[in-house]
């Protein structure tokens, strides 16, 4: 790095550098330079004498008629200097000399700074923190970067206040590093969830007001009786949460559908509570039923929320995504409570107005919920999504992207009349109709965790299956039109995913190659359906799995709800042999 200051006096003759006539933009502005004319005179030239501390000064022009003494002989060298010095007073002569020297030094510094500024303009460095940007400039005296004075202005402006508020909001509401730290569907989901949270709180305020009227608030009811009824109502509701927890694996397989069902159940519970003023004598029964529904909805919402947040954490920032989600929920609840109180004050104790307001808010709540779930892009593979991926791979040779599969997947594949698609009936440009039909049919015919005694009737079939699948964690066969997967005791989600890939190839052989099922022992022999499909699965499964991972899928295992039945092949084989 060049030094900012160069030596001004050298042993011998020194000549200053003439400054530029025009300064580049963003140069240093000095009052002393501005006071000098735009075309400054050339600085004086100093010549060393016999002593290093004695100098003679040659002016560019003037001082005498022989060009500043340049044409005079050596005997007259410096005569004008001594005459000029002797003619003036000491103070004025000293001031004039110092002024000339200072002007020369300042012009030299300005020239050096201007050249340095031109070099810095092409090498700007900015410090970015959220929406704030500060320009860094090099400090040559300390050999480091410092914040530019123009970037750290202390002047207050509306834009600065807005920028600070925006930065604070992002830090409180969104994960650090947003949007790079989360997936692309996180923002849409959060926005829709914020609106539905507000609507949910309005419904809660209206329902609470109705419950208070039902227990006789404002009519002189005994507070103790009201408290007993309230505790009894909530206590029965808590039991539903305990009972429903045993079905937790269902929520992993189809979290979107179950979450929408939970929201519908929650609104139904609010609706029951809205009816309590009309039937005050049934307060405990209606309240307990509504409390059970709300508790069940809360359990499903908490369980499925974890599935969604796990998919949002693009940088494994799972805990932070949950924390920011809770913060967003608190903001929605705060706004919703304020609006709910305002609506409750407007409608008073009028049941028709309360029901009408509740209906409007419930519609907004359910619509926002539906849109938020449709924006989620689940990356795990359940049986339906895995069948779509595998079927398309078998037909086109490549795995489809995450968004295409999520747009195509219905909320409840097993219940057609409840299916609501994200994009209506718009034809997918990636997924073929054959792949969609195959996934829907396989979903209906698949049976994970079948009992061996239900699908095998004789000893030869058992030995053939055990011999064919001795190195696998499952046994697959077809029985009465269903794809039956018998899971071994050591079976893992990875084994179940592999079995589903073999199921898809079996379906492909059936539809495209016309190879129909025969007896189990015949299908296990060479050139049989089970033997062909298993060899293909062993050969291609890792390839399709890697291809799926490259498209964004989490292909480490199948998210499914198999029956708890498992087999131990060694024990069964020995009993058959005996």
Protein backbone atom coordinates (compact mmCIF):
# COMPACT_ATOMS: atom_id res chain seq x y z
CA UNK A 1 0.00 0.00 0.00
CA UNK A 2 1.39 3.41 -0.97
CA UNK A 3 2.01 5.80 1.89
CA UNK A 4 -0.32 8.79 2.06
CA UNK A 5 2.51 11.23 2.77
CA UNK A 6 5.74 11.52 0.80
CA UNK A 7 8.88 13.42 1.92
CA UNK A 8 8.75 17.10 0.99
CA UNK A 9 12.42 17.94 1.27
CA UNK A 10 15.08 15.83 -0.40
CA UNK A 11 18.81 16.23 -0.30
CA UNK A 12 19.57 18.29 -3.36
CA UNK A 13 16.79 19.63 -5.56
CA UNK A 14 13.08 18.99 -4.91
CA UNK A 15 10.29 19.55 -7.39
CA UNK A 16 6.64 19.25 -6.29
CA UNK A 17 4.06 17.52 -8.42
CA UNK A 18 1.64 19.83 -10.15
CA UNK A 19 -1.95 19.11 -9.02
CA UNK A 20 -4.72 18.21 -11.44
CA UNK A 21 -6.72 21.09 -12.81
CA UNK A 22 -9.99 19.20 -12.28
CA UNK A 23 -10.78 17.01 -9.33
CA UNK A 24 -12.69 13.77 -9.71
CA UNK A 25 -15.97 13.30 -7.92
CA UNK A 26 -15.95 12.48 -4.23
CA UNK A 27 -12.51 14.08 -3.67
CA UNK A 28 -11.53 15.72 -0.43
CA UNK A 29 -12.64 19.33 -0.19
CA UNK A 30 -10.30 21.67 1.73
CA UNK A 31 -10.96 25.37 2.36
CA UNK A 32 -7.40 26.34 1.63
CA UNK A 33 -7.51 24.71 -1.79
CA UNK A 34 -10.81 26.37 -2.62
CA UNK A 35 -9.36 29.77 -1.87
CA UNK A 36 -6.74 29.30 -4.57
CA UNK A 37 -7.61 29.97 -8.21
CA UNK A 38 -8.66 27.11 -10.45
CA UNK A 39 -5.28 27.25 -12.25
CA UNK A 40 -2.78 27.40 -9.42
CA UNK A 41 0.69 28.74 -10.03
CA UNK A 42 3.59 26.38 -10.18
CA UNK A 43 5.12 25.97 -6.74
CA UNK A 44 8.48 27.50 -5.98
CA UNK A 45 11.63 25.55 -6.65
CA UNK A 46 14.06 25.14 -3.77
CA UNK A 47 17.75 24.64 -4.36
CA UNK A 48 20.10 23.32 -1.75
CA UNK A 49 23.18 25.34 -0.84
CA UNK A 50 26.28 24.17 0.87
CA UNK A 51 24.30 23.62 4.06
CA UNK A 52 21.29 21.33 4.02
CA UNK A 53 19.30 23.90 5.99
CA UNK A 54 19.90 26.85 3.64
CA UNK A 55 17.84 27.03 0.50
CA UNK A 56 17.45 29.53 -2.30
CA UNK A 57 14.07 30.01 -3.90
CA UNK A 58 13.50 30.41 -7.65
CA UNK A 59 10.12 31.80 -8.67
CA UNK A 60 8.69 30.71 -11.99
CA UNK A 61 8.51 34.23 -13.29
CA UNK A 62 8.91 37.73 -11.92
CA UNK A 63 11.11 39.01 -9.15
CA UNK A 64 13.45 40.60 -11.72
CA UNK A 65 13.87 40.93 -15.46
CA UNK A 66 16.12 37.96 -16.02
CA UNK A 67 13.45 35.29 -15.33
CA UNK A 68 13.79 34.88 -11.63
CA UNK A 69 17.58 34.98 -11.64
CA UNK A 70 18.02 32.05 -14.00
CA UNK A 71 20.15 34.10 -16.44
CA UNK A 72 22.28 35.77 -13.80
CA UNK A 73 25.83 34.63 -13.14
CA UNK A 74 26.87 32.69 -10.12
CA UNK A 75 28.05 35.79 -8.27
CA UNK A 76 24.53 37.16 -8.23
CA UNK A 77 23.01 33.83 -7.19
CA UNK A 78 20.15 34.45 -4.73
CA UNK A 79 20.56 38.24 -4.67
CA UNK A 80 16.85 38.85 -4.97
CA UNK A 81 16.22 36.60 -1.97
CA UNK A 82 18.44 38.63 0.34
CA UNK A 83 17.04 41.92 -1.00
CA UNK A 84 13.45 40.75 -0.62
CA UNK A 85 14.18 39.49 2.87
CA UNK A 86 15.91 42.72 3.96
CA UNK A 87 13.28 45.00 2.43
CA UNK A 88 10.30 43.51 4.35
CA UNK A 89 9.63 43.15 8.02
CA UNK A 90 10.52 39.87 9.67
CA UNK A 91 6.95 38.91 10.43
CA UNK A 92 5.58 39.63 6.94
CA UNK A 93 8.50 37.92 5.22
CA UNK A 94 8.16 34.88 7.42
CA UNK A 95 4.42 34.73 6.78
CA UNK A 96 4.91 35.00 3.01
CA UNK A 97 7.49 32.27 2.97
CA UNK A 98 5.36 29.98 5.11
CA UNK A 99 2.34 30.67 2.92
CA UNK A 100 4.24 29.65 -0.21
CA UNK A 101 5.55 26.51 1.42
CA UNK A 102 2.11 25.61 2.86
CA UNK A 103 0.45 26.11 -0.49
CA UNK A 104 2.94 23.81 -2.13
CA UNK A 105 2.44 21.14 0.55
CA UNK A 106 -1.36 21.35 0.42
CA UNK A 107 -1.43 21.09 -3.35
CA UNK A 108 0.85 18.07 -3.17
CA UNK A 109 -1.47 16.39 -0.64
CA UNK A 110 -4.55 17.20 -2.71
CA UNK A 111 -2.97 15.66 -5.79
CA UNK A 112 -2.09 12.50 -3.88
CA UNK A 113 -5.60 12.26 -2.37
CA UNK A 114 -7.24 12.75 -5.76
CA UNK A 115 -5.21 9.95 -7.29
CA UNK A 116 -6.03 7.71 -4.35
CA UNK A 117 -9.77 8.50 -4.61
CA UNK A 118 -9.84 7.45 -8.26
CA UNK A 119 -8.28 4.13 -7.30
CA UNK A 120 -10.78 3.56 -4.47
CA UNK A 121 -13.86 4.22 -6.62
CA UNK A 122 -13.27 1.05 -8.58
CA UNK A 123 -12.72 -1.00 -5.41
CA UNK A 124 -15.71 -0.11 -3.22
CA UNK A 125 -16.44 -2.31 -0.23
CA UNK A 126 -19.87 -2.31 1.43
CA UNK A 127 -20.82 -3.63 4.85
CA UNK A 128 -24.34 -5.10 4.72
CA UNK A 129 -26.45 -5.84 7.80
CA UNK A 130 -30.05 -6.58 6.97
CA UNK A 131 -31.29 -3.68 4.86
CA UNK A 132 -28.51 -1.33 6.08
CA UNK A 133 -25.50 -0.71 3.86
CA UNK A 134 -22.37 1.17 4.89
CA UNK A 135 -19.52 2.03 2.52
CA UNK A 136 -16.06 1.11 3.77
CA UNK A 137 -13.00 3.12 2.77
CA UNK A 138 -9.36 2.30 3.44
CA UNK A 139 -7.55 4.15 6.22
CA UNK A 140 -3.95 4.23 5.01
CA UNK A 141 -2.56 5.47 8.30
CA UNK A 142 -3.91 2.40 10.15
CA UNK A 143 -3.86 0.03 7.18
CA UNK A 144 -7.55 -0.95 7.68
CA UNK A 145 -11.06 -0.25 6.40
CA UNK A 146 -13.29 2.27 8.18
CA UNK A 147 -16.88 3.38 7.62
CA UNK A 148 -17.13 6.26 5.20
CA UNK A 149 -18.26 9.52 6.88
CA UNK A 150 -20.98 9.93 4.25
CA UNK A 151 -22.35 6.45 5.12
CA UNK A 152 -22.57 7.13 8.85
CA UNK A 153 -24.49 10.36 8.72
CA UNK A 154 -26.33 11.15 11.92
CA UNK A 155 -29.13 13.02 10.17
CA UNK A 156 -32.55 11.56 10.96
CA UNK A 157 -34.91 10.73 8.12
CA UNK A 158 -38.13 8.81 7.62
CA UNK A 159 -36.32 6.32 5.39
CA UNK A 160 -33.83 5.57 8.15
CA UNK A 161 -36.63 4.99 10.65
CA UNK A 162 -38.48 2.72 8.22
CA UNK A 163 -35.29 0.79 7.49
CA UNK A 164 -34.61 0.26 11.19
CA UNK A 165 -38.19 -0.86 11.86
CA UNK A 166 -38.06 -3.27 8.91
CA UNK A 167 -34.77 -4.72 10.10
CA UNK A 168 -36.13 -5.17 13.63
CA UNK A 169 -39.27 -6.85 12.33
CA UNK A 170 -37.27 -9.26 10.16
CA UNK A 171 -34.99 -10.14 13.08
CA UNK A 172 -37.95 -10.88 15.34
CA UNK A 173 -40.29 -12.60 12.89
CA UNK A 174 -38.08 -14.41 10.37
CA UNK A 175 -35.19 -16.87 10.75
CA UNK A 176 -31.68 -15.51 10.54
CA UNK A 177 -30.43 -15.45 6.98
CA UNK A 178 -33.92 -15.25 5.46
CA UNK A 179 -34.66 -16.07 2.66
CA UNK A 180 -31.58 -18.26 2.10
CA UNK A 181 -32.01 -20.10 5.43
CA UNK A 182 -35.49 -21.44 4.58
CA UNK A 183 -37.16 -23.04 1.60
CA UNK A 184 -39.08 -21.11 -1.05
CA UNK A 185 -42.52 -22.09 0.25
CA UNK A 186 -41.92 -20.74 3.77
CA UNK A 187 -43.01 -17.15 3.10
CA UNK A 188 -46.32 -18.04 1.44
CA UNK A 189 -47.15 -20.42 4.26
CA UNK A 190 -46.32 -17.83 6.93
CA UNK A 191 -48.42 -15.10 5.31
CA UNK A 192 -51.50 -17.28 5.01
CA UNK A 193 -51.00 -18.58 8.55
CA UNK A 194 -50.86 -15.03 9.88
CA UNK A 195 -54.27 -14.19 8.41
CA UNK A 196 -55.86 -17.43 9.62
CA UNK A 197 -54.41 -16.86 13.08
CA UNK A 198 -56.16 -13.52 13.28
CA UNK A 199 -59.45 -15.07 12.16
CA UNK A 200 -59.04 -17.89 14.68
CA UNK A 201 -58.61 -15.47 17.56
CA UNK A 202 -61.70 -13.51 16.54
CA UNK A 203 -63.69 -16.74 16.59
CA UNK A 204 -62.23 -17.57 20.00
CA UNK A 205 -63.26 -14.23 21.46
CA UNK A 206 -66.80 -14.58 20.12
CA UNK A 207 -67.06 -18.15 21.46
CA UNK A 208 -65.71 -17.12 24.86
CA UNK A 209 -68.23 -14.32 25.08
CA UNK A 210 -71.02 -16.78 24.26
CA UNK A 211 -69.82 -19.14 26.97
CA UNK A 212 -69.77 -16.37 29.52
CA UNK A 213 -73.34 -15.45 28.67
CA UNK A 214 -74.29 -19.13 28.93
CA UNK A 215 -72.99 -19.47 32.49
CA UNK A 216 -74.97 -16.39 33.46
CA UNK A 217 -72.39 -13.64 33.42
CA UNK A 218 -74.24 -10.40 33.95
CA UNK A 219 -77.31 -12.19 35.33
CA UNK A 220 -76.16 -12.64 38.90
CA UNK A 221 -74.95 -16.25 38.55
CA UNK A 222 -72.84 -17.73 41.31
CA UNK A 223 -69.14 -17.54 40.29
CA UNK A 224 -68.30 -20.87 41.98
CA UNK A 225 -70.84 -22.81 39.91
CA UNK A 226 -69.55 -21.21 36.75
CA UNK A 227 -65.97 -22.16 37.66
CA UNK A 228 -66.95 -25.78 38.36
CA UNK A 229 -68.72 -26.06 35.02
CA UNK A 230 -65.73 -24.55 33.24
CA UNK A 231 -63.23 -26.96 34.83
CA UNK A 232 -65.46 -29.94 34.09
CA UNK A 233 -65.77 -28.86 30.47
CA UNK A 234 -61.99 -28.52 30.00
CA UNK A 235 -61.24 -31.73 31.90
CA UNK A 236 -63.32 -33.82 29.51
CA UNK A 237 -61.62 -32.07 26.62
CA UNK A 238 -58.18 -33.07 27.87
CA UNK A 239 -59.13 -36.75 27.74
CA UNK A 240 -59.68 -36.54 23.99
CA UNK A 241 -56.11 -35.36 23.51
CA UNK A 242 -54.77 -38.37 25.42
CA UNK A 243 -56.88 -40.84 23.42
CA UNK A 244 -56.04 -39.27 20.05
CA UNK A 245 -52.28 -39.40 20.64
CA UNK A 246 -52.18 -43.11 19.72
CA UNK A 247 -52.95 -42.22 16.09
CA UNK A 248 -49.92 -39.98 15.72
CA UNK A 249 -48.41 -41.97 12.83
CA UNK A 250 -51.41 -41.07 10.66
CA UNK A 251 -50.43 -37.42 10.86
CA UNK A 252 -46.96 -38.08 9.43
CA UNK A 253 -48.32 -39.73 6.30
CA UNK A 254 -50.80 -37.02 5.25
CA UNK A 255 -50.06 -33.95 7.38
CA UNK A 256 -51.80 -31.46 5.08
CA UNK A 257 -55.11 -33.29 5.08
CA UNK A 258 -55.09 -33.92 8.81
CA UNK A 259 -54.18 -30.31 9.51
CA UNK A 260 -57.12 -29.09 7.44
CA UNK A 261 -59.36 -31.57 9.27
CA UNK A 262 -58.09 -30.20 12.60
CA UNK A 263 -58.95 -26.66 11.55
CA UNK A 264 -62.43 -27.77 10.53
CA UNK A 265 -62.83 -29.55 13.87
CA UNK A 266 -61.70 -26.44 15.72
CA UNK A 267 -64.24 -24.27 13.92
CA UNK A 268 -66.97 -26.82 14.65
CA UNK A 269 -66.05 -26.60 18.34
CA UNK A 270 -66.28 -22.83 18.19
CA UNK A 271 -69.68 -23.16 16.55
CA UNK A 272 -70.95 -25.38 19.38
CA UNK A 273 -69.77 -22.86 21.92
CA UNK A 274 -71.62 -20.14 20.03
CA UNK A 275 -74.85 -22.11 20.57
CA UNK A 276 -74.52 -22.36 24.36
CA UNK A 277 -76.47 -19.14 25.10
CA UNK A 278 -79.50 -20.67 23.39
CA UNK A 279 -79.20 -23.84 25.50
CA UNK A 280 -77.78 -22.78 28.87
CA UNK A 281 -79.04 -25.93 30.60
CA UNK A 282 -76.80 -28.01 28.30
CA UNK A 283 -73.74 -25.93 29.02
CA UNK A 284 -71.61 -28.77 30.41
CA UNK A 285 -72.52 -31.22 27.65
CA UNK A 286 -72.03 -28.73 24.79
CA UNK A 287 -68.94 -27.26 26.41
CA UNK A 288 -67.39 -30.68 26.99
CA UNK A 289 -68.04 -31.73 23.40
CA UNK A 290 -66.59 -28.50 22.09
CA UNK A 291 -63.62 -28.79 24.45
CA UNK A 292 -62.92 -32.33 23.27
CA UNK A 293 -62.97 -31.12 19.66
CA UNK A 294 -60.67 -28.21 20.37
CA UNK A 295 -58.23 -30.40 22.31
CA UNK A 296 -58.13 -32.95 19.49
CA UNK A 297 -57.59 -30.16 16.97
CA UNK A 298 -54.77 -28.71 19.07
CA UNK A 299 -53.04 -32.10 19.20
CA UNK A 300 -53.24 -32.59 15.43
CA UNK A 301 -52.08 -29.03 14.79
CA UNK A 302 -49.06 -29.43 17.05
CA UNK A 303 -48.12 -32.78 15.48
CA UNK A 304 -48.41 -31.65 11.87
CA UNK A 305 -46.72 -28.31 12.55
CA UNK A 306 -43.49 -30.17 13.26
CA UNK A 307 -43.69 -31.86 9.85
CA UNK A 308 -44.04 -28.51 8.13
CA UNK A 309 -41.26 -26.77 10.05
CA UNK A 310 -38.86 -29.65 9.44
CA UNK A 311 -39.32 -29.12 5.71
CA UNK A 312 -38.78 -25.36 5.99
CA UNK A 313 -35.39 -25.65 7.71
CA UNK A 314 -33.17 -25.48 4.63
CA UNK A 315 -30.02 -24.94 6.73
CA UNK A 316 -30.92 -27.38 9.53
CA UNK A 317 -32.11 -24.42 11.61
CA UNK A 318 -35.09 -26.38 12.88
CA UNK A 319 -35.32 -24.78 16.33
CA UNK A 320 -35.08 -21.26 14.97
CA UNK A 321 -37.81 -21.86 12.40
CA UNK A 322 -40.10 -23.09 15.20
CA UNK A 323 -39.24 -20.08 17.39
CA UNK A 324 -39.98 -17.61 14.61
CA UNK A 325 -43.19 -19.44 13.81
CA UNK A 326 -44.32 -19.04 17.42
CA UNK A 327 -43.45 -15.34 17.30
CA UNK A 328 -45.51 -14.91 14.14
CA UNK A 329 -48.38 -16.73 15.83
CA UNK A 330 -48.26 -14.40 18.83
CA UNK A 331 -48.49 -11.36 16.57
CA UNK A 332 -51.50 -12.86 14.78
CA UNK A 333 -53.15 -13.71 18.09
CA UNK A 334 -52.60 -10.21 19.44
CA UNK A 335 -54.17 -8.60 16.37
CA UNK A 336 -56.97 -11.17 16.33
CA UNK A 337 -57.84 -10.59 19.99
CA UNK A 338 -58.03 -6.84 19.45
CA UNK A 339 -60.29 -7.26 16.43
CA UNK A 340 -62.35 -9.90 18.23
CA UNK A 341 -62.98 -7.57 21.17
CA UNK A 342 -64.04 -4.84 18.77
CA UNK A 343 -66.46 -7.17 16.96
CA UNK A 344 -67.81 -8.53 20.25
CA UNK A 345 -68.53 -5.01 21.49
CA UNK A 346 -70.39 -4.24 18.28
CA UNK A 347 -72.66 -7.30 18.32
CA UNK A 348 -73.23 -7.41 22.09
CA UNK A 349 -75.44 -10.27 23.25
CA UNK A 350 -77.25 -10.70 19.93
CA UNK A 351 -77.02 -14.37 18.97
CA UNK A 352 -77.98 -13.87 15.26
CA UNK A 353 -75.30 -11.21 14.80
CA UNK A 354 -72.78 -13.39 16.59
CA UNK A 355 -73.54 -16.37 14.36
CA UNK A 356 -73.38 -14.24 11.21
CA UNK A 357 -70.03 -12.75 12.22
CA UNK A 358 -68.75 -16.18 13.17
CA UNK A 359 -69.72 -17.61 9.77
CA UNK A 360 -67.81 -14.91 7.89
CA UNK A 361 -64.72 -15.25 10.07
CA UNK A 362 -64.83 -19.06 9.81
CA UNK A 363 -64.89 -18.89 6.01
CA UNK A 364 -61.83 -16.60 6.03
CA UNK A 365 -60.11 -18.93 8.48
CA UNK A 366 -60.66 -22.08 6.41
CA UNK A 367 -59.76 -20.42 3.12
CA UNK A 368 -56.45 -19.11 4.47
CA UNK A 369 -55.71 -22.51 5.97
CA UNK A 370 -56.31 -24.23 2.65
CA UNK A 371 -54.06 -21.78 0.80
CA UNK A 372 -51.30 -22.11 3.38
CA UNK A 373 -51.27 -25.91 3.15
CA UNK A 374 -51.31 -25.84 -0.64
CA UNK A 375 -48.20 -23.65 -0.59
CA UNK A 376 -46.23 -26.22 1.44
CA UNK A 377 -43.82 -28.43 -0.50
CA UNK A 378 -43.27 -31.62 1.49
CA UNK A 379 -39.99 -33.29 0.59
CA UNK A 380 -40.45 -36.58 2.39
CA UNK A 381 -41.90 -39.60 0.58
CA UNK A 382 -45.16 -41.14 1.71
CA UNK A 383 -46.69 -44.00 -0.33
CA UNK A 384 -48.57 -41.68 -2.69
CA UNK A 385 -45.71 -39.25 -3.35
CA UNK A 386 -43.22 -42.10 -3.69
CA UNK A 387 -45.50 -43.88 -6.17
CA UNK A 388 -45.75 -40.69 -8.25
CA UNK A 389 -41.97 -40.34 -8.27
CA UNK A 390 -41.31 -44.00 -9.10
CA UNK A 391 -44.05 -44.24 -11.74
CA UNK A 392 -42.79 -41.16 -13.55
CA UNK A 393 -39.23 -42.49 -13.34
CA UNK A 394 -40.29 -45.79 -14.93
CA UNK A 395 -42.13 -43.95 -17.71
CA UNK A 396 -39.73 -41.10 -18.50
CA UNK A 397 -36.44 -42.13 -16.92
CA UNK A 398 -36.17 -39.19 -14.52
CA UNK A 399 -37.58 -38.21 -11.14
CA UNK A 400 -40.08 -35.32 -11.10
CA UNK A 401 -39.44 -32.16 -9.03
CA UNK A 402 -40.86 -31.55 -5.57
CA UNK A 403 -43.31 -28.81 -6.54
CA UNK A 404 -44.97 -30.84 -9.29
CA UNK A 405 -45.66 -33.75 -6.94
CA UNK A 406 -47.00 -31.53 -4.14
CA UNK A 407 -49.31 -29.69 -6.53
CA UNK A 408 -50.68 -33.01 -7.73
CA UNK A 409 -51.07 -34.76 -4.38
CA UNK A 410 -54.61 -34.65 -2.93
CA UNK A 411 -55.15 -33.97 0.75
CA UNK A 412 -56.72 -37.40 1.32
CA UNK A 413 -55.77 -39.86 -1.47
CA UNK A 414 -57.81 -42.65 0.14
CA UNK A 415 -60.99 -40.51 0.29
CA UNK A 416 -61.65 -39.21 -3.24
CA UNK A 417 -64.62 -36.97 -2.42
CA UNK A 418 -62.49 -35.02 0.09
CA UNK A 419 -59.67 -34.41 -2.36
CA UNK A 420 -58.86 -30.76 -3.04
CA UNK A 421 -56.01 -30.15 -5.46
CA UNK A 422 -53.68 -27.20 -5.27
CA UNK A 423 -54.04 -26.20 -8.89
CA UNK A 424 -57.56 -27.38 -9.61
CA UNK A 425 -57.72 -29.54 -12.72
CA UNK A 426 -54.80 -27.91 -14.52
CA UNK A 427 -52.78 -30.53 -16.41
CA UNK A 428 -49.24 -30.96 -15.13
CA UNK A 429 -46.53 -30.33 -17.70
CA UNK A 430 -44.14 -32.79 -16.01
CA UNK A 431 -46.30 -35.60 -14.64
CA UNK A 432 -47.98 -37.86 -17.15
CA UNK A 433 -51.54 -39.06 -16.72
CA UNK A 434 -50.24 -42.65 -16.61
CA UNK A 435 -48.09 -41.83 -13.58
CA UNK A 436 -50.99 -40.17 -11.77
CA UNK A 437 -53.30 -43.10 -12.45
CA UNK A 438 -50.64 -45.57 -11.35
CA UNK A 439 -50.03 -43.73 -8.07
CA UNK A 440 -53.74 -43.56 -7.28
CA UNK A 441 -54.26 -47.27 -7.97
CA UNK A 442 -51.16 -48.37 -6.07
CA UNK A 443 -52.34 -46.31 -3.10
CA UNK A 444 -55.54 -48.33 -3.07
CA UNK A 445 -53.92 -51.75 -3.61
CA UNK A 446 -50.90 -51.41 -1.31
CA UNK A 447 -50.92 -53.21 2.03
CA UNK A 448 -47.86 -52.59 4.21
CA UNK A 449 -47.34 -54.99 7.09
CA UNK A 450 -49.42 -57.91 5.85
CA UNK A 451 -49.73 -61.12 7.83
CA UNK A 452 -47.83 -63.97 6.20
CA UNK A 453 -50.60 -66.44 7.05
CA UNK A 454 -53.09 -64.31 5.09
CA UNK A 455 -51.15 -64.32 1.82
CA UNK A 456 -49.44 -67.76 1.80
CA UNK A 457 -51.31 -71.07 1.86
CA UNK A 458 -48.68 -73.81 1.44
CA UNK A 459 -45.15 -74.78 2.36
CA UNK A 460 -43.71 -74.45 -1.16
CA UNK A 461 -44.81 -70.82 -1.46
CA UNK A 462 -43.31 -69.96 1.92
CA UNK A 463 -39.96 -71.55 1.07
CA UNK A 464 -39.91 -69.88 -2.35
CA UNK A 465 -40.58 -66.43 -0.86
CA UNK A 466 -38.05 -66.89 1.92
CA UNK A 467 -35.42 -68.04 -0.55
CA UNK A 468 -36.09 -65.13 -2.94
CA UNK A 469 -36.12 -62.40 -0.26
CA UNK A 470 -33.51 -63.87 2.08
CA UNK A 471 -31.28 -60.75 1.64
CA UNK A 472 -34.09 -58.20 1.89
CA UNK A 473 -35.91 -56.68 4.83
CA UNK A 474 -39.32 -57.48 3.39
CA UNK A 475 -41.30 -60.05 1.40
CA UNK A 476 -43.51 -58.88 -1.45
CA UNK A 477 -46.19 -60.85 -3.20
CA UNK A 478 -49.58 -60.27 -4.79
CA UNK A 479 -52.71 -61.70 -3.22
CA UNK A 480 -56.26 -61.15 -4.47
CA UNK A 481 -55.25 -58.11 -6.47
CA UNK A 482 -53.44 -56.43 -3.59
CA UNK A 483 -49.71 -55.78 -3.27
CA UNK A 484 -48.94 -57.37 0.08
CA UNK A 485 -45.66 -56.39 1.78
CA UNK A 486 -44.73 -58.63 4.70
CA UNK A 487 -42.20 -56.81 6.89
CA UNK A 488 -39.39 -58.64 8.63
CA UNK A 489 -38.43 -57.91 12.20
CA UNK A 490 -35.37 -55.97 11.03
CA UNK A 491 -37.29 -53.97 8.43
CA UNK A 492 -36.51 -50.24 8.22
CA UNK A 493 -38.13 -47.29 6.40
CA UNK A 494 -35.45 -47.72 3.74
CA UNK A 495 -36.61 -51.31 3.16
CA UNK A 496 -40.21 -50.15 2.87
CA UNK A 497 -39.21 -47.56 0.27
CA UNK A 498 -37.42 -50.23 -1.73
CA UNK A 499 -40.43 -52.51 -1.52
CA UNK A 500 -42.63 -49.74 -2.90
CA UNK A 501 -40.26 -49.29 -5.84
CA UNK A 502 -40.61 -52.99 -6.59
CA UNK A 503 -44.40 -52.63 -6.31
CA UNK A 504 -44.33 -49.87 -8.92
CA UNK A 505 -42.30 -52.04 -11.26
CA UNK A 506 -44.71 -54.93 -10.72
CA UNK A 507 -47.56 -52.61 -11.68
CA UNK A 508 -45.58 -51.48 -14.75
CA UNK A 509 -45.05 -55.12 -15.84
CA UNK A 510 -48.74 -55.74 -15.40
CA UNK A 511 -49.86 -52.70 -17.41
CA UNK A 512 -47.19 -52.41 -20.09
CA UNK A 513 -45.71 -55.90 -20.49
CA UNK A 514 -48.88 -57.89 -19.90
CA UNK A 515 -47.22 -60.21 -17.37
CA UNK A 516 -49.98 -61.44 -15.10
CA UNK A 517 -49.67 -63.04 -11.68
CA UNK A 518 -49.47 -66.83 -11.40
CA UNK A 519 -48.79 -68.96 -8.36
CA UNK A 520 -46.33 -67.59 -5.81
CA UNK A 521 -43.82 -70.38 -6.34
CA UNK A 522 -43.95 -69.85 -10.12
CA UNK A 523 -43.48 -66.08 -9.79
CA UNK A 524 -40.42 -66.66 -7.59
CA UNK A 525 -38.65 -68.81 -10.21
CA UNK A 526 -36.34 -67.31 -12.86
CA UNK A 527 -38.33 -65.25 -15.40
CA UNK A 528 -41.16 -64.99 -12.90
CA UNK A 529 -42.80 -61.66 -12.01
CA UNK A 530 -41.43 -61.46 -8.50
CA UNK A 531 -37.94 -62.54 -9.53
CA UNK A 532 -37.81 -60.07 -12.45
CA UNK A 533 -39.11 -57.16 -10.39
CA UNK A 534 -36.75 -57.88 -7.49
CA UNK A 535 -33.71 -58.02 -9.77
CA UNK A 536 -34.75 -54.72 -11.34
CA UNK A 537 -35.27 -53.13 -7.91
CA UNK A 538 -31.84 -54.27 -6.75
CA UNK A 539 -30.24 -52.86 -9.89
CA UNK A 540 -32.09 -49.53 -10.20
CA UNK A 541 -33.15 -48.56 -6.69
CA UNK A 542 -29.98 -46.68 -5.76
CA UNK A 543 -30.09 -44.86 -9.09
CA UNK A 544 -33.67 -43.66 -8.69
CA UNK A 545 -32.96 -42.72 -5.09
CA UNK A 546 -29.97 -40.59 -6.07
CA UNK A 547 -31.96 -39.04 -8.90
CA UNK A 548 -34.73 -38.17 -6.45
CA UNK A 549 -32.29 -36.62 -4.00
CA UNK A 550 -30.89 -34.44 -6.78
CA UNK A 551 -34.43 -33.13 -7.38
CA UNK A 552 -34.80 -32.14 -3.72
CA UNK A 553 -36.46 -35.22 -2.23
CA UNK A 554 -35.54 -36.76 1.12
CA UNK A 555 -35.21 -40.37 0.00
CA UNK A 556 -33.74 -41.99 3.10
CA UNK A 557 -36.94 -43.91 3.85
CA UNK A 558 -40.70 -44.19 3.44
CA UNK A 559 -43.06 -42.24 5.69
CA UNK A 560 -45.87 -44.76 6.13
CA UNK A 561 -48.21 -46.32 8.67
CA UNK A 562 -47.71 -50.08 8.37
CA UNK A 563 -49.39 -52.55 10.64
CA UNK A 564 -47.29 -53.61 13.64
CA UNK A 565 -47.03 -57.23 12.44
CA UNK A 566 -43.47 -58.45 11.73
CA UNK A 567 -41.94 -61.85 10.97
CA UNK A 568 -38.70 -63.50 11.96
CA UNK A 569 -37.66 -65.61 8.92
CA UNK A 570 -35.17 -67.85 10.72
CA UNK A 571 -37.65 -69.18 13.25
CA UNK A 572 -40.41 -69.70 10.71
CA UNK A 573 -38.12 -71.45 8.23
CA UNK A 574 -36.87 -73.87 10.86
CA UNK A 575 -40.41 -74.70 11.97
CA UNK A 576 -41.44 -75.40 8.37
CA UNK A 577 -38.42 -77.59 7.75
CA UNK A 578 -39.22 -79.67 10.81
